[in-house]
PDB file of N, CA and C in Angstrom:
ATOM      1  N   UNK A   1      45.099  52.707 102.151  1.00  0.00           N
ATOM      2  CA  UNK A   1      45.057  54.073 102.642  1.00  0.00           C
ATOM      3  C   UNK A   1      45.796  54.976 101.655  1.00  0.00           C
ATOM      4  N   UNK A   2      45.364  56.213 101.608  1.00  0.00           N
ATOM      5  CA  UNK A   2      45.956  57.176 100.687  1.00  0.00           C
ATOM      6  C   UNK A   2      46.439  58.406 101.435  1.00  0.00           C
ATOM      7  N   UNK A   3      47.352  59.107 100.802  1.00  0.00           N
ATOM      8  CA  UNK A   3      47.803  60.388 101.323  1.00  0.00           C
ATOM      9  C   UNK A   3      46.771  61.451 100.980  1.00  0.00           C
ATOM     10  N   UNK A   4      46.623  62.410 101.868  1.00  0.00           N
ATOM     11  CA  UNK A   4      45.681  63.510 101.653  1.00  0.00           C
ATOM     12  C   UNK A   4      46.398  64.833 101.869  1.00  0.00           C
ATOM     13  N   UNK A   5      45.857  65.867 101.251  1.00  0.00           N
ATOM     14  CA  UNK A   5      46.351  67.219 101.467  1.00  0.00           C
ATOM     15  C   UNK A   5      45.195  68.039 102.037  1.00  0.00           C
ATOM     16  N   UNK A   6      45.484  68.741 103.126  1.00  0.00           N
ATOM     17  CA  UNK A   6      44.485  69.571 103.786  1.00  0.00           C
ATOM     18  C   UNK A   6      45.060  70.935 104.092  1.00  0.00           C
ATOM     19  N   UNK A   7      44.154  71.889 104.247  1.00  0.00           N
ATOM     20  CA  UNK A   7      44.509  73.253 104.630  1.00  0.00           C
ATOM     21  C   UNK A   7      44.146  73.417 106.099  1.00  0.00           C
ATOM     22  N   UNK A   8      44.995  74.126 106.828  1.00  0.00           N
ATOM     23  CA  UNK A   8      44.701  74.364 108.234  1.00  0.00           C
ATOM     24  C   UNK A   8      44.921  75.828 108.583  1.00  0.00           C
ATOM     25  N   UNK A   9      44.250  76.227 109.651  1.00  0.00           N
ATOM     26  CA  UNK A   9      44.503  77.508 110.280  1.00  0.00           C
ATOM     27  C   UNK A   9      45.062  77.229 111.660  1.00  0.00           C
ATOM     28  N   UNK A  10      45.971  78.047 112.104  1.00  0.00           N
ATOM     29  CA  UNK A  10      46.583  77.876 113.417  1.00  0.00           C
ATOM     30  C   UNK A  10      45.722  78.628 114.438  1.00  0.00           C
ATOM     31  N   UNK A  11      45.247  77.925 115.435  1.00  0.00           N
ATOM     32  CA  UNK A  11      44.436  78.515 116.505  1.00  0.00           C
ATOM     33  C   UNK A  11      45.335  79.284 117.479  1.00  0.00           C
ATOM     34  N   UNK A  12      44.765  80.181 118.267  1.00  0.00           N
ATOM     35  CA  UNK A  12      45.578  80.941 119.229  1.00  0.00           C
ATOM     36  C   UNK A  12      46.362  80.061 120.202  1.00  0.00           C
ATOM     37  N   UNK A  13      45.841  78.864 120.500  1.00  0.00           N
ATOM     38  CA  UNK A  13      46.542  77.962 121.419  1.00  0.00           C
ATOM     39  C   UNK A  13      47.602  77.117 120.707  1.00  0.00           C
ATOM     40  N   UNK A  14      47.796  77.375 119.401  1.00  0.00           N
ATOM     41  CA  UNK A  14      48.812  76.657 118.640  1.00  0.00           C
ATOM     42  C   UNK A  14      48.317  75.407 117.941  1.00  0.00           C
ATOM     43  N   UNK A  15      47.102  74.992 118.221  1.00  0.00           N
ATOM     44  CA  UNK A  15      46.542  73.789 117.600  1.00  0.00           C
ATOM     45  C   UNK A  15      46.094  74.090 116.168  1.00  0.00           C
ATOM     46  N   UNK A  16      46.020  73.033 115.364  1.00  0.00           N
ATOM     47  CA  UNK A  16      45.510  73.174 114.005  1.00  0.00           C
ATOM     48  C   UNK A  16      43.993  73.174 114.034  1.00  0.00           C
ATOM     49  N   UNK A  17      43.412  73.917 113.131  1.00  0.00           N
ATOM     50  CA  UNK A  17      41.999  73.753 112.795  1.00  0.00           C
ATOM     51  C   UNK A  17      41.985  73.381 111.321  1.00  0.00           C
ATOM     52  N   UNK A  18      41.799  72.099 111.064  1.00  0.00           N
ATOM     53  CA  UNK A  18      41.824  71.599 109.689  1.00  0.00           C
ATOM     54  C   UNK A  18      40.487  71.929 109.042  1.00  0.00           C
ATOM     55  N   UNK A  19      40.564  72.555 107.894  1.00  0.00           N
ATOM     56  CA  UNK A  19      39.361  72.975 107.192  1.00  0.00           C
ATOM     57  C   UNK A  19      38.777  71.831 106.383  1.00  0.00           C
ATOM     58  N   UNK A  20      37.471  71.840 106.246  1.00  0.00           N
ATOM     59  CA  UNK A  20      36.814  70.841 105.400  1.00  0.00           C
ATOM     60  C   UNK A  20      37.261  71.033 103.959  1.00  0.00           C
ATOM     61  N   UNK A  21      37.360  69.931 103.259  1.00  0.00           N
ATOM     62  CA  UNK A  21      37.691  69.983 101.836  1.00  0.00           C
ATOM     63  C   UNK A  21      36.434  70.458 101.111  1.00  0.00           C
ATOM     64  N   UNK A  22      36.541  71.545 100.349  1.00  0.00           N
ATOM     65  CA  UNK A  22      35.355  72.037  99.638  1.00  0.00           C
ATOM     66  C   UNK A  22      34.780  70.984  98.703  1.00  0.00           C
ATOM     67  N   UNK A  23      33.460  71.007  98.568  1.00  0.00           N
ATOM     68  CA  UNK A  23      32.785  70.063  97.695  1.00  0.00           C
ATOM     69  C   UNK A  23      33.333  70.181  96.275  1.00  0.00           C
ATOM     70  N   UNK A  24      33.585  69.035  95.686  1.00  0.00           N
ATOM     71  CA  UNK A  24      34.098  68.997  94.330  1.00  0.00           C
ATOM     72  C   UNK A  24      35.612  69.070  94.230  1.00  0.00           C
ATOM     73  N   UNK A  25      36.285  69.286  95.352  1.00  0.00           N
ATOM     74  CA  UNK A  25      37.749  69.364  95.339  1.00  0.00           C
ATOM     75  C   UNK A  25      38.323  68.007  95.726  1.00  0.00           C
ATOM     76  N   UNK A  26      39.418  67.642  95.104  1.00  0.00           N
ATOM     77  CA  UNK A  26      40.087  66.363  95.338  1.00  0.00           C
ATOM     78  C   UNK A  26      41.231  66.599  96.324  1.00  0.00           C
ATOM     79  N   UNK A  27      41.263  65.844  97.405  1.00  0.00           N
ATOM     80  CA  UNK A  27      42.314  66.025  98.414  1.00  0.00           C
ATOM     81  C   UNK A  27      43.386  64.943  98.352  1.00  0.00           C
ATOM     82  N   UNK A  28      43.405  64.140  97.285  1.00  0.00           N
ATOM     83  CA  UNK A  28      44.378  63.059  97.179  1.00  0.00           C
ATOM     84  C   UNK A  28      45.777  63.596  96.869  1.00  0.00           C
ATOM     85  N   UNK A  29      46.738  63.128  97.674  1.00  0.00           N
ATOM     86  CA  UNK A  29      48.149  63.459  97.436  1.00  0.00           C
ATOM     87  C   UNK A  29      48.919  62.221  96.992  1.00  0.00           C
ATOM     88  N   UNK A  30      48.189  61.163  96.649  1.00  0.00           N
ATOM     89  CA  UNK A  30      48.822  59.947  96.164  1.00  0.00           C
ATOM     90  C   UNK A  30      48.520  58.750  97.041  1.00  0.00           C
ATOM     91  N   UNK A  31      49.037  57.628  96.615  1.00  0.00           N
ATOM     92  CA  UNK A  31      48.889  56.398  97.379  1.00  0.00           C
ATOM     93  C   UNK A  31      49.835  56.425  98.575  1.00  0.00           C
ATOM     94  N   UNK A  32      49.526  55.654  99.582  1.00  0.00           N
ATOM     95  CA  UNK A  32      50.391  55.577 100.771  1.00  0.00           C
ATOM     96  C   UNK A  32      51.822  55.224 100.370  1.00  0.00           C
ATOM     97  N   UNK A  33      51.976  54.344  99.407  1.00  0.00           N
ATOM     98  CA  UNK A  33      53.316  53.934  98.970  1.00  0.00           C
ATOM     99  C   UNK A  33      54.115  55.095  98.362  1.00  0.00           C
ATOM    100  N   UNK A  34      53.433  56.141  97.916  1.00  0.00           N
ATOM    101  CA  UNK A  34      54.114  57.287  97.308  1.00  0.00           C
ATOM    102  C   UNK A  34      54.981  58.048  98.297  1.00  0.00           C
ATOM    103  N   UNK A  35      54.772  57.842  99.593  1.00  0.00           N
ATOM    104  CA  UNK A  35      55.640  58.481 100.593  1.00  0.00           C
ATOM    105  C   UNK A  35      57.113  58.268 100.206  1.00  0.00           C
ATOM    106  N   UNK A  36      57.424  57.016  99.852  1.00  0.00           N
ATOM    107  CA  UNK A  36      58.800  56.627  99.520  1.00  0.00           C
ATOM    108  C   UNK A  36      59.009  56.568  98.017  1.00  0.00           C
ATOM    109  N   UNK A  37      58.073  55.937  97.303  1.00  0.00           N
ATOM    110  CA  UNK A  37      58.301  55.656  95.890  1.00  0.00           C
ATOM    111  C   UNK A  37      58.210  56.874  94.983  1.00  0.00           C
ATOM    112  N   UNK A  38      57.526  57.915  95.416  1.00  0.00           N
ATOM    113  CA  UNK A  38      57.425  59.132  94.600  1.00  0.00           C
ATOM    114  C   UNK A  38      57.978  60.331  95.359  1.00  0.00           C
ATOM    115  N   UNK A  39      57.291  60.773  96.407  1.00  0.00           N
ATOM    116  CA  UNK A  39      57.682  62.023  97.076  1.00  0.00           C
ATOM    117  C   UNK A  39      59.044  61.921  97.755  1.00  0.00           C
ATOM    118  N   UNK A  40      59.428  60.749  98.199  1.00  0.00           N
ATOM    119  CA  UNK A  40      60.739  60.574  98.821  1.00  0.00           C
ATOM    120  C   UNK A  40      61.770  59.953  97.906  1.00  0.00           C
ATOM    121  N   UNK A  41      61.438  59.855  96.629  1.00  0.00           N
ATOM    122  CA  UNK A  41      62.311  59.186  95.668  1.00  0.00           C
ATOM    123  C   UNK A  41      63.553  60.010  95.345  1.00  0.00           C
ATOM    124  N   UNK A  42      64.538  59.336  94.789  1.00  0.00           N
ATOM    125  CA  UNK A  42      65.768  60.011  94.366  1.00  0.00           C
ATOM    126  C   UNK A  42      65.506  61.073  93.297  1.00  0.00           C
ATOM    127  N   UNK A  43      64.658  60.806  92.287  1.00  0.00           N
ATOM    128  CA  UNK A  43      64.410  61.862  91.302  1.00  0.00           C
ATOM    129  C   UNK A  43      63.841  63.148  91.920  1.00  0.00           C
ATOM    130  N   UNK A  44      62.976  63.010  92.914  1.00  0.00           N
ATOM    131  CA  UNK A  44      62.406  64.193  93.579  1.00  0.00           C
ATOM    132  C   UNK A  44      63.447  64.855  94.471  1.00  0.00           C
ATOM    133  N   UNK A  45      64.181  64.070  95.225  1.00  0.00           N
ATOM    134  CA  UNK A  45      65.219  64.626  96.108  1.00  0.00           C
ATOM    135  C   UNK A  45      66.331  65.306  95.305  1.00  0.00           C
ATOM    136  N   UNK A  46      66.678  64.731  94.153  1.00  0.00           N
ATOM    137  CA  UNK A  46      67.753  65.285  93.329  1.00  0.00           C
ATOM    138  C   UNK A  46      67.422  66.684  92.817  1.00  0.00           C
ATOM    139  N   UNK A  47      66.140  67.001  92.744  1.00  0.00           N
ATOM    140  CA  UNK A  47      65.730  68.336  92.306  1.00  0.00           C
ATOM    141  C   UNK A  47      65.848  69.374  93.426  1.00  0.00           C
ATOM    142  N   UNK A  48      66.134  68.895  94.641  1.00  0.00           N
ATOM    143  CA  UNK A  48      66.257  69.806  95.775  1.00  0.00           C
ATOM    144  C   UNK A  48      64.966  69.998  96.550  1.00  0.00           C
ATOM    145  N   UNK A  49      63.968  69.145  96.292  1.00  0.00           N
ATOM    146  CA  UNK A  49      62.712  69.238  97.033  1.00  0.00           C
ATOM    147  C   UNK A  49      62.992  69.041  98.522  1.00  0.00           C
ATOM    148  N   UNK A  50      62.345  69.843  99.361  1.00  0.00           N
ATOM    149  CA  UNK A  50      62.580  69.724 100.794  1.00  0.00           C
ATOM    150  C   UNK A  50      61.330  69.429 101.607  1.00  0.00           C
ATOM    151  N   UNK A  51      60.160  69.682 101.048  1.00  0.00           N
ATOM    152  CA  UNK A  51      58.928  69.432 101.799  1.00  0.00           C
ATOM    153  C   UNK A  51      58.444  67.998 101.615  1.00  0.00           C
ATOM    154  N   UNK A  52      58.109  67.623 100.407  1.00  0.00           N
ATOM    155  CA  UNK A  52      57.492  66.320 100.159  1.00  0.00           C
ATOM    156  C   UNK A  52      58.379  65.129 100.516  1.00  0.00           C
ATOM    157  N   UNK A  53      59.705  65.187 100.354  1.00  0.00           N
ATOM    158  CA  UNK A  53      60.524  64.041 100.769  1.00  0.00           C
ATOM    159  C   UNK A  53      60.428  63.703 102.263  1.00  0.00           C
ATOM    160  N   UNK A  54      59.970  64.642 103.069  1.00  0.00           N
ATOM    161  CA  UNK A  54      59.792  64.380 104.507  1.00  0.00           C
ATOM    162  C   UNK A  54      58.822  63.219 104.726  1.00  0.00           C
ATOM    163  N   UNK A  55      57.899  63.018 103.807  1.00  0.00           N
ATOM    164  CA  UNK A  55      56.922  61.930 103.937  1.00  0.00           C
ATOM    165  C   UNK A  55      57.569  60.550 103.971  1.00  0.00           C
ATOM    166  N   UNK A  56      58.742  60.411 103.390  1.00  0.00           N
ATOM    167  CA  UNK A  56      59.411  59.109 103.368  1.00  0.00           C
ATOM    168  C   UNK A  56      59.823  58.653 104.763  1.00  0.00           C
ATOM    169  N   UNK A  57      60.049  59.603 105.646  1.00  0.00           N
ATOM    170  CA  UNK A  57      60.538  59.261 106.987  1.00  0.00           C
ATOM    171  C   UNK A  57      59.596  59.670 108.115  1.00  0.00           C
ATOM    172  N   UNK A  58      58.495  60.320 107.775  1.00  0.00           N
ATOM    173  CA  UNK A  58      57.603  60.807 108.821  1.00  0.00           C
ATOM    174  C   UNK A  58      56.146  60.640 108.447  1.00  0.00           C
ATOM    175  N   UNK A  59      55.293  60.988 109.399  1.00  0.00           N
ATOM    176  CA  UNK A  59      53.859  60.820 109.208  1.00  0.00           C
ATOM    177  C   UNK A  59      53.236  61.903 108.341  1.00  0.00           C
ATOM    178  N   UNK A  60      53.839  63.099 108.370  1.00  0.00           N
ATOM    179  CA  UNK A  60      53.204  64.199 107.664  1.00  0.00           C
ATOM    180  C   UNK A  60      54.204  65.284 107.301  1.00  0.00           C
ATOM    181  N   UNK A  61      53.771  66.111 106.367  1.00  0.00           N
ATOM    182  CA  UNK A  61      54.485  67.336 106.033  1.00  0.00           C
ATOM    183  C   UNK A  61      53.596  68.472 106.505  1.00  0.00           C
ATOM    184  N   UNK A  62      54.132  69.315 107.333  1.00  0.00           N
ATOM    185  CA  UNK A  62      53.398  70.467 107.839  1.00  0.00           C
ATOM    186  C   UNK A  62      54.053  71.720 107.269  1.00  0.00           C
ATOM    187  N   UNK A  63      53.305  72.433 106.452  1.00  0.00           N
ATOM    188  CA  UNK A  63      53.804  73.654 105.817  1.00  0.00           C
ATOM    189  C   UNK A  63      53.101  74.831 106.487  1.00  0.00           C
ATOM    190  N   UNK A  64      53.840  75.570 107.279  1.00  0.00           N
ATOM    191  CA  UNK A  64      53.263  76.727 107.961  1.00  0.00           C
ATOM    192  C   UNK A  64      52.962  77.832 106.952  1.00  0.00           C
ATOM    193  N   UNK A  65      52.103  78.747 107.334  1.00  0.00           N
ATOM    194  CA  UNK A  65      51.657  79.822 106.442  1.00  0.00           C
ATOM    195  C   UNK A  65      52.830  80.562 105.808  1.00  0.00           C
ATOM    196  N   UNK A  66      53.871  80.825 106.580  1.00  0.00           N
ATOM    197  CA  UNK A  66      55.008  81.587 106.053  1.00  0.00           C
ATOM    198  C   UNK A  66      55.842  80.794 105.044  1.00  0.00           C
ATOM    199  N   UNK A  67      55.596  79.481 104.941  1.00  0.00           N
ATOM    200  CA  UNK A  67      56.342  78.635 104.005  1.00  0.00           C
ATOM    201  C   UNK A  67      55.522  78.200 102.793  1.00  0.00           C
ATOM    202  N   UNK A  68      54.272  78.631 102.717  1.00  0.00           N
ATOM    203  CA  UNK A  68      53.397  78.190 101.625  1.00  0.00           C
ATOM    204  C   UNK A  68      53.946  78.612 100.265  1.00  0.00           C
ATOM    205  N   UNK A  69      54.500  79.807 100.153  1.00  0.00           N
ATOM    206  CA  UNK A  69      55.065  80.243  98.866  1.00  0.00           C
ATOM    207  C   UNK A  69      56.202  79.317  98.437  1.00  0.00           C
ATOM    208  N   UNK A  70      57.039  78.907  99.375  1.00  0.00           N
ATOM    209  CA  UNK A  70      58.126  77.976  99.051  1.00  0.00           C
ATOM    210  C   UNK A  70      57.571  76.605  98.647  1.00  0.00           C
ATOM    211  N   UNK A  71      56.507  76.177  99.309  1.00  0.00           N
ATOM    212  CA  UNK A  71      55.868  74.914  98.958  1.00  0.00           C
ATOM    213  C   UNK A  71      55.304  74.973  97.535  1.00  0.00           C
ATOM    214  N   UNK A  72      54.668  76.092  97.202  1.00  0.00           N
ATOM    215  CA  UNK A  72      54.170  76.277  95.834  1.00  0.00           C
ATOM    216  C   UNK A  72      55.319  76.226  94.826  1.00  0.00           C
ATOM    217  N   UNK A  73      56.453  76.780  95.198  1.00  0.00           N
ATOM    218  CA  UNK A  73      57.626  76.714  94.334  1.00  0.00           C
ATOM    219  C   UNK A  73      58.094  75.289  94.126  1.00  0.00           C
ATOM    220  N   UNK A  74      58.038  74.480  95.184  1.00  0.00           N
ATOM    221  CA  UNK A  74      58.427  73.079  95.057  1.00  0.00           C
ATOM    222  C   UNK A  74      57.470  72.328  94.133  1.00  0.00           C
ATOM    223  N   UNK A  75      56.196  72.569  94.281  1.00  0.00           N
ATOM    224  CA  UNK A  75      55.214  71.926  93.410  1.00  0.00           C
ATOM    225  C   UNK A  75      55.480  72.320  91.955  1.00  0.00           C
ATOM    226  N   UNK A  76      55.755  73.590  91.713  1.00  0.00           N
ATOM    227  CA  UNK A  76      56.057  74.057  90.351  1.00  0.00           C
ATOM    228  C   UNK A  76      57.327  73.390  89.815  1.00  0.00           C
ATOM    229  N   UNK A  77      58.329  73.264  90.658  1.00  0.00           N
ATOM    230  CA  UNK A  77      59.579  72.604  90.251  1.00  0.00           C
ATOM    231  C   UNK A  77      59.316  71.156  89.838  1.00  0.00           C
ATOM    232  N   UNK A  78      58.531  70.447  90.629  1.00  0.00           N
ATOM    233  CA  UNK A  78      58.225  69.055  90.301  1.00  0.00           C
ATOM    234  C   UNK A  78      57.431  68.969  89.005  1.00  0.00           C
ATOM    235  N   UNK A  79      56.531  69.907  88.807  1.00  0.00           N
ATOM    236  CA  UNK A  79      55.762  69.920  87.561  1.00  0.00           C
ATOM    237  C   UNK A  79      56.683  70.156  86.357  1.00  0.00           C
ATOM    238  N   UNK A  80      57.672  71.021  86.505  1.00  0.00           N
ATOM    239  CA  UNK A  80      58.620  71.301  85.422  1.00  0.00           C
ATOM    240  C   UNK A  80      59.403  70.049  85.016  1.00  0.00           C
ATOM    241  N   UNK A  81      59.594  69.135  85.949  1.00  0.00           N
ATOM    242  CA  UNK A  81      60.375  67.918  85.704  1.00  0.00           C
ATOM    243  C   UNK A  81      59.495  66.670  85.744  1.00  0.00           C
ATOM    244  N   UNK A  82      58.246  66.867  85.384  1.00  0.00           N
ATOM    245  CA  UNK A  82      57.239  65.819  85.505  1.00  0.00           C
ATOM    246  C   UNK A  82      57.608  64.534  84.772  1.00  0.00           C
ATOM    247  N   UNK A  83      58.047  64.640  83.536  1.00  0.00           N
ATOM    248  CA  UNK A  83      58.354  63.429  82.773  1.00  0.00           C
ATOM    249  C   UNK A  83      59.497  62.625  83.393  1.00  0.00           C
ATOM    250  N   UNK A  84      60.531  63.314  83.860  1.00  0.00           N
ATOM    251  CA  UNK A  84      61.659  62.616  84.488  1.00  0.00           C
ATOM    252  C   UNK A  84      61.213  61.947  85.791  1.00  0.00           C
ATOM    253  N   UNK A  85      60.379  62.635  86.570  1.00  0.00           N
ATOM    254  CA  UNK A  85      59.882  62.050  87.821  1.00  0.00           C
ATOM    255  C   UNK A  85      58.994  60.847  87.506  1.00  0.00           C
ATOM    256  N   UNK A  86      58.116  60.997  86.532  1.00  0.00           N
ATOM    257  CA  UNK A  86      57.224  59.889  86.170  1.00  0.00           C
ATOM    258  C   UNK A  86      58.025  58.676  85.714  1.00  0.00           C
ATOM    259  N   UNK A  87      59.028  58.895  84.894  1.00  0.00           N
ATOM    260  CA  UNK A  87      59.844  57.780  84.414  1.00  0.00           C
ATOM    261  C   UNK A  87      60.633  57.138  85.549  1.00  0.00           C
ATOM    262  N   UNK A  88      61.160  57.963  86.446  1.00  0.00           N
ATOM    263  CA  UNK A  88      61.998  57.450  87.522  1.00  0.00           C
ATOM    264  C   UNK A  88      61.244  56.840  88.683  1.00  0.00           C
ATOM    265  N   UNK A  89      59.922  57.006  88.727  1.00  0.00           N
ATOM    266  CA  UNK A  89      59.154  56.522  89.881  1.00  0.00           C
ATOM    267  C   UNK A  89      58.001  55.604  89.501  1.00  0.00           C
ATOM    268  N   UNK A  90      57.892  55.247  88.249  1.00  0.00           N
ATOM    269  CA  UNK A  90      56.708  54.499  87.817  1.00  0.00           C
ATOM    270  C   UNK A  90      56.742  53.033  88.195  1.00  0.00           C
ATOM    271  N   UNK A  91      57.914  52.483  88.452  1.00  0.00           N
ATOM    272  CA  UNK A  91      57.994  51.057  88.766  1.00  0.00           C
ATOM    273  C   UNK A  91      57.422  50.239  87.632  1.00  0.00           C
ATOM    274  N   UNK A  92      56.463  49.370  87.931  1.00  0.00           N
ATOM    275  CA  UNK A  92      55.832  48.508  86.922  1.00  0.00           C
ATOM    276  C   UNK A  92      54.631  49.189  86.266  1.00  0.00           C
ATOM    277  N   UNK A  93      54.273  50.360  86.734  1.00  0.00           N
ATOM    278  CA  UNK A  93      53.100  51.049  86.179  1.00  0.00           C
ATOM    279  C   UNK A  93      53.385  51.588  84.792  1.00  0.00           C
ATOM    280  N   UNK A  94      52.346  51.709  84.015  1.00  0.00           N
ATOM    281  CA  UNK A  94      52.426  52.269  82.677  1.00  0.00           C
ATOM    282  C   UNK A  94      52.730  53.762  82.798  1.00  0.00           C
ATOM    283  N   UNK A  95      53.661  54.252  81.993  1.00  0.00           N
ATOM    284  CA  UNK A  95      54.149  55.638  82.096  1.00  0.00           C
ATOM    285  C   UNK A  95      53.031  56.658  82.027  1.00  0.00           C
ATOM    286  N   UNK A  96      52.182  56.605  81.005  1.00  0.00           N
ATOM    287  CA  UNK A  96      51.150  57.636  80.826  1.00  0.00           C
ATOM    288  C   UNK A  96      50.170  57.665  81.986  1.00  0.00           C
ATOM    289  N   UNK A  97      49.794  56.496  82.462  1.00  0.00           N
ATOM    290  CA  UNK A  97      48.870  56.432  83.602  1.00  0.00           C
ATOM    291  C   UNK A  97      49.516  57.021  84.848  1.00  0.00           C
ATOM    292  N   UNK A  98      50.754  56.656  85.099  1.00  0.00           N
ATOM    293  CA  UNK A  98      51.477  57.177  86.268  1.00  0.00           C
ATOM    294  C   UNK A  98      51.648  58.689  86.145  1.00  0.00           C
ATOM    295  N   UNK A  99      51.985  59.159  84.960  1.00  0.00           N
ATOM    296  CA  UNK A  99      52.164  60.597  84.727  1.00  0.00           C
ATOM    297  C   UNK A  99      50.862  61.348  85.005  1.00  0.00           C
ATOM    298  N   UNK A 100      49.737  60.802  84.527  1.00  0.00           N
ATOM    299  CA  UNK A 100      48.435  61.442  84.782  1.00  0.00           C
ATOM    300  C   UNK A 100      48.149  61.511  86.283  1.00  0.00           C
ATOM    301  N   UNK A 101      48.503  60.452  87.006  1.00  0.00           N
ATOM    302  CA  UNK A 101      48.324  60.464  88.454  1.00  0.00           C
ATOM    303  C   UNK A 101      49.168  61.535  89.128  1.00  0.00           C
ATOM    304  N   UNK A 102      50.390  61.693  88.663  1.00  0.00           N
ATOM    305  CA  UNK A 102      51.258  62.748  89.198  1.00  0.00           C
ATOM    306  C   UNK A 102      50.694  64.133  88.908  1.00  0.00           C
ATOM    307  N   UNK A 103      50.219  64.341  87.699  1.00  0.00           N
ATOM    308  CA  UNK A 103      49.630  65.634  87.333  1.00  0.00           C
ATOM    309  C   UNK A 103      48.467  65.950  88.266  1.00  0.00           C
ATOM    310  N   UNK A 104      47.612  64.980  88.469  1.00  0.00           N
ATOM    311  CA  UNK A 104      46.428  65.179  89.331  1.00  0.00           C
ATOM    312  C   UNK A 104      46.833  65.508  90.764  1.00  0.00           C
ATOM    313  N   UNK A 105      47.791  64.753  91.308  1.00  0.00           N
ATOM    314  CA  UNK A 105      48.190  64.975  92.706  1.00  0.00           C
ATOM    315  C   UNK A 105      48.924  66.293  92.870  1.00  0.00           C
ATOM    316  N   UNK A 106      49.775  66.665  91.913  1.00  0.00           N
ATOM    317  CA  UNK A 106      50.455  67.961  91.987  1.00  0.00           C
ATOM    318  C   UNK A 106      49.441  69.101  91.921  1.00  0.00           C
ATOM    319  N   UNK A 107      48.426  68.931  91.101  1.00  0.00           N
ATOM    320  CA  UNK A 107      47.371  69.958  91.023  1.00  0.00           C
ATOM    321  C   UNK A 107      46.637  70.064  92.353  1.00  0.00           C
ATOM    322  N   UNK A 108      46.331  68.940  92.990  1.00  0.00           N
ATOM    323  CA  UNK A 108      45.658  68.965  94.286  1.00  0.00           C
ATOM    324  C   UNK A 108      46.509  69.686  95.331  1.00  0.00           C
ATOM    325  N   UNK A 109      47.813  69.417  95.322  1.00  0.00           N
ATOM    326  CA  UNK A 109      48.720  70.090  96.255  1.00  0.00           C
ATOM    327  C   UNK A 109      48.727  71.591  95.989  1.00  0.00           C
ATOM    328  N   UNK A 110      48.773  71.956  94.720  1.00  0.00           N
ATOM    329  CA  UNK A 110      48.801  73.371  94.344  1.00  0.00           C
ATOM    330  C   UNK A 110      47.506  74.086  94.755  1.00  0.00           C
ATOM    331  N   UNK A 111      46.365  73.483  94.480  1.00  0.00           N
ATOM    332  CA  UNK A 111      45.079  74.097  94.809  1.00  0.00           C
ATOM    333  C   UNK A 111      44.970  74.317  96.319  1.00  0.00           C
ATOM    334  N   UNK A 112      45.363  73.331  97.099  1.00  0.00           N
ATOM    335  CA  UNK A 112      45.320  73.474  98.551  1.00  0.00           C
ATOM    336  C   UNK A 112      46.251  74.597  99.008  1.00  0.00           C
ATOM    337  N   UNK A 113      47.447  74.643  98.459  1.00  0.00           N
ATOM    338  CA  UNK A 113      48.410  75.674  98.856  1.00  0.00           C
ATOM    339  C   UNK A 113      47.949  77.065  98.444  1.00  0.00           C
ATOM    340  N   UNK A 114      47.346  77.181  97.274  1.00  0.00           N
ATOM    341  CA  UNK A 114      46.816  78.485  96.856  1.00  0.00           C
ATOM    342  C   UNK A 114      45.705  78.947  97.787  1.00  0.00           C
ATOM    343  N   UNK A 115      44.845  78.025  98.172  1.00  0.00           N
ATOM    344  CA  UNK A 115      43.783  78.352  99.133  1.00  0.00           C
ATOM    345  C   UNK A 115      44.388  78.774 100.473  1.00  0.00           C
ATOM    346  N   UNK A 116      45.371  78.030 100.932  1.00  0.00           N
ATOM    347  CA  UNK A 116      46.031  78.367 102.199  1.00  0.00           C
ATOM    348  C   UNK A 116      46.650  79.763 102.127  1.00  0.00           C
ATOM    349  N   UNK A 117      47.282  80.064 101.022  1.00  0.00           N
ATOM    350  CA  UNK A 117      47.922  81.377 100.877  1.00  0.00           C
ATOM    351  C   UNK A 117      46.897  82.502 100.966  1.00  0.00           C
ATOM    352  N   UNK A 118      45.737  82.314 100.354  1.00  0.00           N
ATOM    353  CA  UNK A 118      44.704  83.348 100.355  1.00  0.00           C
ATOM    354  C   UNK A 118      44.167  83.604 101.762  1.00  0.00           C
ATOM    355  N   UNK A 119      44.023  82.546 102.561  1.00  0.00           N
ATOM    356  CA  UNK A 119      43.428  82.709 103.891  1.00  0.00           C
ATOM    357  C   UNK A 119      44.453  82.822 105.017  1.00  0.00           C
ATOM    358  N   UNK A 120      45.734  82.783 104.659  1.00  0.00           N
ATOM    359  CA  UNK A 120      46.766  82.874 105.686  1.00  0.00           C
ATOM    360  C   UNK A 120      46.941  81.605 106.482  1.00  0.00           C
ATOM    361  N   UNK A 121      46.645  80.480 105.847  1.00  0.00           N
ATOM    362  CA  UNK A 121      46.752  79.196 106.516  1.00  0.00           C
ATOM    363  C   UNK A 121      47.954  78.409 106.065  1.00  0.00           C
ATOM    364  N   UNK A 122      48.006  77.169 106.508  1.00  0.00           N
ATOM    365  CA  UNK A 122      49.088  76.264 106.148  1.00  0.00           C
ATOM    366  C   UNK A 122      48.532  75.034 105.461  1.00  0.00           C
ATOM    367  N   UNK A 123      49.433  74.131 105.106  1.00  0.00           N
ATOM    368  CA  UNK A 123      49.092  72.912 104.375  1.00  0.00           C
ATOM    369  C   UNK A 123      49.662  71.710 105.119  1.00  0.00           C
ATOM    370  N   UNK A 124      48.873  70.669 105.185  1.00  0.00           N
ATOM    371  CA  UNK A 124      49.342  69.395 105.739  1.00  0.00           C
ATOM    372  C   UNK A 124      49.171  68.330 104.658  1.00  0.00           C
ATOM    373  N   UNK A 125      50.204  67.541 104.462  1.00  0.00           N
ATOM    374  CA  UNK A 125      50.121  66.363 103.600  1.00  0.00           C
ATOM    375  C   UNK A 125      50.364  65.191 104.516  1.00  0.00           C
ATOM    376  N   UNK A 126      49.406  64.267 104.557  1.00  0.00           N
ATOM    377  CA  UNK A 126      49.490  63.131 105.487  1.00  0.00           C
ATOM    378  C   UNK A 126      48.754  61.922 104.996  1.00  0.00           C
TER     379      UNK A 126
END
């Protein structure tokens, strides 16, 4: 199983309406193991990340519309420290391959969050 990133709109009754992933868009947020080994890792936490580390202890990260800008900031912060995160979380994986996977997943998170911001929605990583 893999982690996914989705955009949602909040219905008047408070429930989520999860939007379909547009054709051609990648919704992967990493492997299931990344909950702990990447997003909840010490290198990510040491940077002050507050959204993605929640995955290490819970089922999902729910970013409400009013927090999407902060989530985008976290994604940008992780991208700025990409090499250190890749080195600190690669385990037995080859560095370049792991780094490429991180780049792809961070881009997927960013694209979803940008879409959410435009439509006034939120983001779920699960």
